[in-house]
Amino acid sequence: MRHLIKLYFWAENLWFKLPEKLRFLLVGGFNTVLAYGVLNALDWLFGYLNSVYQWGYAPELVANAALLVQYVVTINISVATMRYYVFQSHGSWQKEFAKAWSVYVVLYLINAPIMTFLMVIFGLKTWAAQGIYLTFSTICTFLLHKYFSFRKEGKRFN
């Protein structure tokens, strides 16, 4: 067990030598793949239940239910990994958690109508509509976390 702990700290030391933007791409990539996978699994499950029980909900409503659950499930993982492994923040955990959650709430409020629009108007499946949205949200997430959620006290845009 002691060897595993030493190995972890050795790897962590190397990790924090990487540039912040690369760490964001790697951690953000992991979080994005996780969230995208959870969304698609929930969309499939909810769609399956919708068809088996003949509830009659439109695919975009099923997708939005899956999206809401996915956000609630994966946000905490994203906040924890971004806070520590990307931005190395040591600020107030509660304050940063609340700010990061507010970022994700705003992104959800943008995501849901865009996904619905792409599904209804262009006939896209959930996975395709969300895939398009991810390009936009990745850039926004980095900027909002860097300059809002996990901004070091006294540090401004630069």
C-alpha atoms as a PDB file:
ATOM      1  CA  MET A   1       0.000   0.000   0.000  1.00  0.00           C
ATOM      2  CA  ARG A   2       2.864   2.360   0.844  1.00  0.00           C
ATOM      3  CA  HIS A   3       4.258   1.857  -2.673  1.00  0.00           C
ATOM      4  CA  LEU A   4       0.936   2.845  -4.213  1.00  0.00           C
ATOM      5  CA  ILE A   5       0.853   6.020  -2.160  1.00  0.00           C
ATOM      6  CA  LYS A   6       4.423   6.887  -3.217  1.00  0.00           C
ATOM      7  CA  LEU A   7       3.515   6.174  -6.831  1.00  0.00           C
ATOM      8  CA  TYR A   8       0.460   8.420  -6.581  1.00  0.00           C
ATOM      9  CA  PHE A   9       2.457  11.341  -5.149  1.00  0.00           C
ATOM     10  CA  TRP A  10       5.150  10.861  -7.789  1.00  0.00           C
ATOM     11  CA  ALA A  11       2.496  10.930 -10.553  1.00  0.00           C
ATOM     12  CA  GLU A  12       0.758  13.900  -8.944  1.00  0.00           C
ATOM     13  CA  ASN A  13       4.046  15.811  -8.829  1.00  0.00           C
ATOM     14  CA  LEU A  14       4.516  15.195 -12.568  1.00  0.00           C
ATOM     15  CA  TRP A  15       0.878  16.088 -13.225  1.00  0.00           C
ATOM     16  CA  PHE A  16       1.145  19.540 -11.670  1.00  0.00           C
ATOM     17  CA  LYS A  17       4.175  20.332 -13.822  1.00  0.00           C
ATOM     18  CA  LEU A  18       1.901  20.200 -16.871  1.00  0.00           C
ATOM     19  CA  PRO A  19       0.515  23.534 -18.106  1.00  0.00           C
ATOM     20  CA  GLU A  20      -2.922  24.432 -16.747  1.00  0.00           C
ATOM     21  CA  LYS A  21      -4.561  24.378 -20.183  1.00  0.00           C
ATOM     22  CA  LEU A  22      -3.287  20.853 -20.853  1.00  0.00           C
ATOM     23  CA  ARG A  23      -4.515  19.717 -17.430  1.00  0.00           C
ATOM     24  CA  PHE A  24      -7.891  21.281 -18.245  1.00  0.00           C
ATOM     25  CA  LEU A  25      -8.058  19.458 -21.580  1.00  0.00           C
ATOM     26  CA  LEU A  26      -7.239  16.128 -19.930  1.00  0.00           C
ATOM     27  CA  VAL A  27      -9.490  16.497 -16.876  1.00  0.00           C
ATOM     28  CA  GLY A  28     -12.183  18.270 -18.867  1.00  0.00           C
ATOM     29  CA  GLY A  29     -11.948  15.535 -21.494  1.00  0.00           C
ATOM     30  CA  PHE A  30     -12.457  12.885 -18.833  1.00  0.00           C
ATOM     31  CA  ASN A  31     -15.398  14.807 -17.333  1.00  0.00           C
ATOM     32  CA  THR A  32     -16.905  15.403 -20.773  1.00  0.00           C
ATOM     33  CA  VAL A  33     -16.642  11.750 -21.798  1.00  0.00           C
ATOM     34  CA  LEU A  34     -18.152  10.709 -18.460  1.00  0.00           C
ATOM     35  CA  ALA A  35     -21.033  13.196 -18.718  1.00  0.00           C
ATOM     36  CA  TYR A  36     -21.641  12.362 -22.389  1.00  0.00           C
ATOM     37  CA  GLY A  37     -21.693   8.638 -21.578  1.00  0.00           C
ATOM     38  CA  VAL A  38     -24.053   9.123 -18.637  1.00  0.00           C
ATOM     39  CA  LEU A  39     -26.348  11.306 -20.770  1.00  0.00           C
ATOM     40  CA  ASN A  40     -26.519   8.751 -23.568  1.00  0.00           C
ATOM     41  CA  ALA A  41     -27.054   5.849 -21.145  1.00  0.00           C
ATOM     42  CA  LEU A  42     -29.855   7.744 -19.386  1.00  0.00           C
ATOM     43  CA  ASP A  43     -31.362   8.799 -22.716  1.00  0.00           C
ATOM     44  CA  TRP A  44     -31.403   5.160 -23.817  1.00  0.00           C
ATOM     45  CA  LEU A  45     -32.864   4.008 -20.469  1.00  0.00           C
ATOM     46  CA  PHE A  46     -35.536   6.710 -20.367  1.00  0.00           C
ATOM     47  CA  GLY A  47     -36.352   6.116 -24.049  1.00  0.00           C
ATOM     48  CA  TYR A  48     -36.641   2.388 -23.412  1.00  0.00           C
ATOM     49  CA  LEU A  49     -38.951   2.949 -20.432  1.00  0.00           C
ATOM     50  CA  ASN A  50     -40.954   5.456 -22.489  1.00  0.00           C
ATOM     51  CA  SER A  51     -41.533   2.874 -25.224  1.00  0.00           C
ATOM     52  CA  VAL A  52     -42.119  -0.137 -22.922  1.00  0.00           C
ATOM     53  CA  TYR A  53     -44.651   1.672 -20.754  1.00  0.00           C
ATOM     54  CA  GLN A  54     -46.021   3.621 -23.734  1.00  0.00           C
ATOM     55  CA  TRP A  55     -45.835   6.954 -21.947  1.00  0.00           C
ATOM     56  CA  GLY A  56     -45.763   8.760 -25.282  1.00  0.00           C
ATOM     57  CA  TYR A  57     -43.203  11.423 -24.419  1.00  0.00           C
ATOM     58  CA  ALA A  58     -41.454  13.070 -27.352  1.00  0.00           C
ATOM     59  CA  PRO A  59     -37.747  12.194 -27.767  1.00  0.00           C
ATOM     60  CA  GLU A  60     -36.673  15.745 -26.882  1.00  0.00           C
ATOM     61  CA  LEU A  61     -38.549  15.539 -23.556  1.00  0.00           C
ATOM     62  CA  VAL A  62     -36.898  12.213 -22.802  1.00  0.00           C
ATOM     63  CA  ALA A  63     -33.520  13.741 -23.706  1.00  0.00           C
ATOM     64  CA  ASN A  64     -34.121  16.745 -21.465  1.00  0.00           C
ATOM     65  CA  ALA A  65     -35.009  14.512 -18.511  1.00  0.00           C
ATOM     66  CA  ALA A  66     -31.793  12.562 -19.145  1.00  0.00           C
ATOM     67  CA  LEU A  67     -29.835  15.823 -19.423  1.00  0.00           C
ATOM     68  CA  LEU A  68     -31.132  17.125 -16.092  1.00  0.00           C
ATOM     69  CA  VAL A  69     -30.288  13.889 -14.275  1.00  0.00           C
ATOM     70  CA  GLN A  70     -26.877  13.740 -15.974  1.00  0.00           C
ATOM     71  CA  TYR A  71     -26.011  17.255 -14.813  1.00  0.00           C
ATOM     72  CA  VAL A  72     -26.993  16.491 -11.212  1.00  0.00           C
ATOM     73  CA  VAL A  73     -24.977  13.253 -11.214  1.00  0.00           C
ATOM     74  CA  THR A  74     -21.794  14.462 -12.920  1.00  0.00           C
ATOM     75  CA  ILE A  75     -21.394  18.062 -11.760  1.00  0.00           C
ATOM     76  CA  ASN A  76     -19.942  17.104  -8.382  1.00  0.00           C
ATOM     77  CA  ILE A  77     -17.263  14.961 -10.012  1.00  0.00           C
ATOM     78  CA  SER A  78     -16.438  17.753 -12.423  1.00  0.00           C
ATOM     79  CA  VAL A  79     -16.218  20.404  -9.704  1.00  0.00           C
ATOM     80  CA  ALA A  80     -13.956  18.258  -7.513  1.00  0.00           C
ATOM     81  CA  THR A  81     -11.600  17.276 -10.335  1.00  0.00           C
ATOM     82  CA  MET A  82     -11.428  20.779 -11.822  1.00  0.00           C
ATOM     83  CA  ARG A  83     -10.875  22.379  -8.436  1.00  0.00           C
ATOM     84  CA  TYR A  84      -7.987  20.149  -7.448  1.00  0.00           C
ATOM     85  CA  TYR A  85      -6.419  18.661 -10.591  1.00  0.00           C
ATOM     86  CA  VAL A  86      -6.694  21.672 -12.886  1.00  0.00           C
ATOM     87  CA  PHE A  87      -6.770  24.892 -10.889  1.00  0.00           C
ATOM     88  CA  GLN A  88      -5.125  23.680  -7.639  1.00  0.00           C
ATOM     89  CA  SER A  89      -7.502  25.869  -5.717  1.00  0.00           C
ATOM     90  CA  HIS A  90      -7.176  26.306  -1.968  1.00  0.00           C
ATOM     91  CA  GLY A  91      -9.969  28.828  -1.527  1.00  0.00           C
ATOM     92  CA  SER A  92     -13.165  28.318   0.432  1.00  0.00           C
ATOM     93  CA  TRP A  93     -14.535  24.961  -0.667  1.00  0.00           C
ATOM     94  CA  GLN A  94     -18.155  25.981  -0.068  1.00  0.00           C
ATOM     95  CA  LYS A  95     -17.820  29.286  -1.926  1.00  0.00           C
ATOM     96  CA  GLU A  96     -16.069  27.710  -4.902  1.00  0.00           C
ATOM     97  CA  PHE A  97     -18.514  24.821  -4.974  1.00  0.00           C
ATOM     98  CA  ALA A  98     -21.448  27.254  -5.091  1.00  0.00           C
ATOM     99  CA  LYS A  99     -19.793  29.338  -7.825  1.00  0.00           C
ATOM    100  CA  ALA A 100     -18.943  26.260  -9.891  1.00  0.00           C
ATOM    101  CA  TRP A 101     -22.488  24.921  -9.526  1.00  0.00           C
ATOM    102  CA  SER A 102     -23.818  28.299 -10.680  1.00  0.00           C
ATOM    103  CA  VAL A 103     -21.623  27.987 -13.785  1.00  0.00           C
ATOM    104  CA  TYR A 104     -23.110  24.580 -14.545  1.00  0.00           C
ATOM    105  CA  VAL A 105     -26.666  25.804 -13.902  1.00  0.00           C
ATOM    106  CA  VAL A 106     -26.140  28.589 -16.461  1.00  0.00           C
ATOM    107  CA  LEU A 107     -24.626  26.110 -18.909  1.00  0.00           C
ATOM    108  CA  TYR A 108     -27.579  23.753 -18.364  1.00  0.00           C
ATOM    109  CA  LEU A 109     -30.025  26.609 -19.034  1.00  0.00           C
ATOM    110  CA  ILE A 110     -28.222  27.182 -22.345  1.00  0.00           C
ATOM    111  CA  ASN A 111     -27.739  23.478 -23.115  1.00  0.00           C
ATOM    112  CA  ALA A 112     -31.344  22.316 -22.733  1.00  0.00           C
ATOM    113  CA  PRO A 113     -32.906  24.722 -25.270  1.00  0.00           C
ATOM    114  CA  ILE A 114     -30.046  24.292 -27.755  1.00  0.00           C
ATOM    115  CA  MET A 115     -30.322  20.503 -27.571  1.00  0.00           C
ATOM    116  CA  THR A 116     -34.110  20.704 -27.940  1.00  0.00           C
ATOM    117  CA  PHE A 117     -33.792  23.096 -30.890  1.00  0.00           C
ATOM    118  CA  LEU A 118     -31.317  20.827 -32.675  1.00  0.00           C
ATOM    119  CA  MET A 119     -33.528  17.788 -32.074  1.00  0.00           C
ATOM    120  CA  VAL A 120     -36.842  19.389 -33.079  1.00  0.00           C
ATOM    121  CA  ILE A 121     -35.748  21.623 -35.962  1.00  0.00           C
ATOM    122  CA  PHE A 122     -32.955  19.500 -37.451  1.00  0.00           C
ATOM    123  CA  GLY A 123     -34.162  16.073 -36.357  1.00  0.00           C
ATOM    124  CA  LEU A 124     -30.889  15.207 -34.629  1.00  0.00           C
ATOM    125  CA  LYS A 125     -30.596  12.410 -32.099  1.00  0.00           C
ATOM    126  CA  THR A 126     -29.614  13.289 -28.544  1.00  0.00           C
ATOM    127  CA  TRP A 127     -26.011  12.135 -28.986  1.00  0.00           C
ATOM    128  CA  ALA A 128     -25.523  14.330 -32.076  1.00  0.00           C
ATOM    129  CA  ALA A 129     -27.200  17.424 -30.632  1.00  0.00           C
ATOM    130  CA  GLN A 130     -25.160  17.168 -27.439  1.00  0.00           C
ATOM    131  CA  GLY A 131     -21.996  16.554 -29.436  1.00  0.00           C
ATOM    132  CA  ILE A 132     -22.481  19.870 -31.232  1.00  0.00           C
ATOM    133  CA  TYR A 133     -23.128  21.687 -27.954  1.00  0.00           C
ATOM    134  CA  LEU A 134     -19.953  20.275 -26.344  1.00  0.00           C
ATOM    135  CA  THR A 135     -17.684  22.392 -28.560  1.00  0.00           C
ATOM    136  CA  PHE A 136     -19.256  25.567 -27.219  1.00  0.00           C
ATOM    137  CA  SER A 137     -19.487  24.422 -23.610  1.00  0.00           C
ATOM    138  CA  THR A 138     -15.866  23.259 -23.347  1.00  0.00           C
ATOM    139  CA  ILE A 139     -14.538  26.736 -24.086  1.00  0.00           C
ATOM    140  CA  CYS A 140     -17.098  28.408 -21.816  1.00  0.00           C
ATOM    141  CA  THR A 141     -16.428  25.984 -18.957  1.00  0.00           C
ATOM    142  CA  PHE A 142     -12.686  26.672 -18.995  1.00  0.00           C
ATOM    143  CA  LEU A 143     -13.121  30.442 -19.040  1.00  0.00           C
ATOM    144  CA  LEU A 144     -15.857  30.523 -16.403  1.00  0.00           C
ATOM    145  CA  HIS A 145     -14.003  28.213 -14.029  1.00  0.00           C
ATOM    146  CA  LYS A 146     -10.651  29.940 -14.495  1.00  0.00           C
ATOM    147  CA  TYR A 147     -11.938  33.481 -14.078  1.00  0.00           C
ATOM    148  CA  PHE A 148     -14.935  32.919 -11.810  1.00  0.00           C
ATOM    149  CA  SER A 149     -15.304  29.613  -9.968  1.00  0.00           C
ATOM    150  CA  PHE A 150     -11.666  28.979  -9.045  1.00  0.00           C
ATOM    151  CA  ARG A 151     -10.147  32.415  -9.573  1.00  0.00           C
ATOM    152  CA  LYS A 152      -7.384  33.105  -7.111  1.00  0.00           C
ATOM    153  CA  GLU A 153      -8.201  36.061  -4.863  1.00  0.00           C
ATOM    154  CA  GLY A 154      -6.999  39.348  -6.271  1.00  0.00           C
ATOM    155  CA  LYS A 155      -6.268  37.831  -9.694  1.00  0.00           C
ATOM    156  CA  ARG A 156      -8.044  39.455 -12.634  1.00  0.00           C
ATOM    157  CA  PHE A 157      -8.373  38.534 -16.284  1.00  0.00           C
ATOM    158  CA  ASN A 158      -4.962  38.043 -17.851  1.00  0.00           C
END
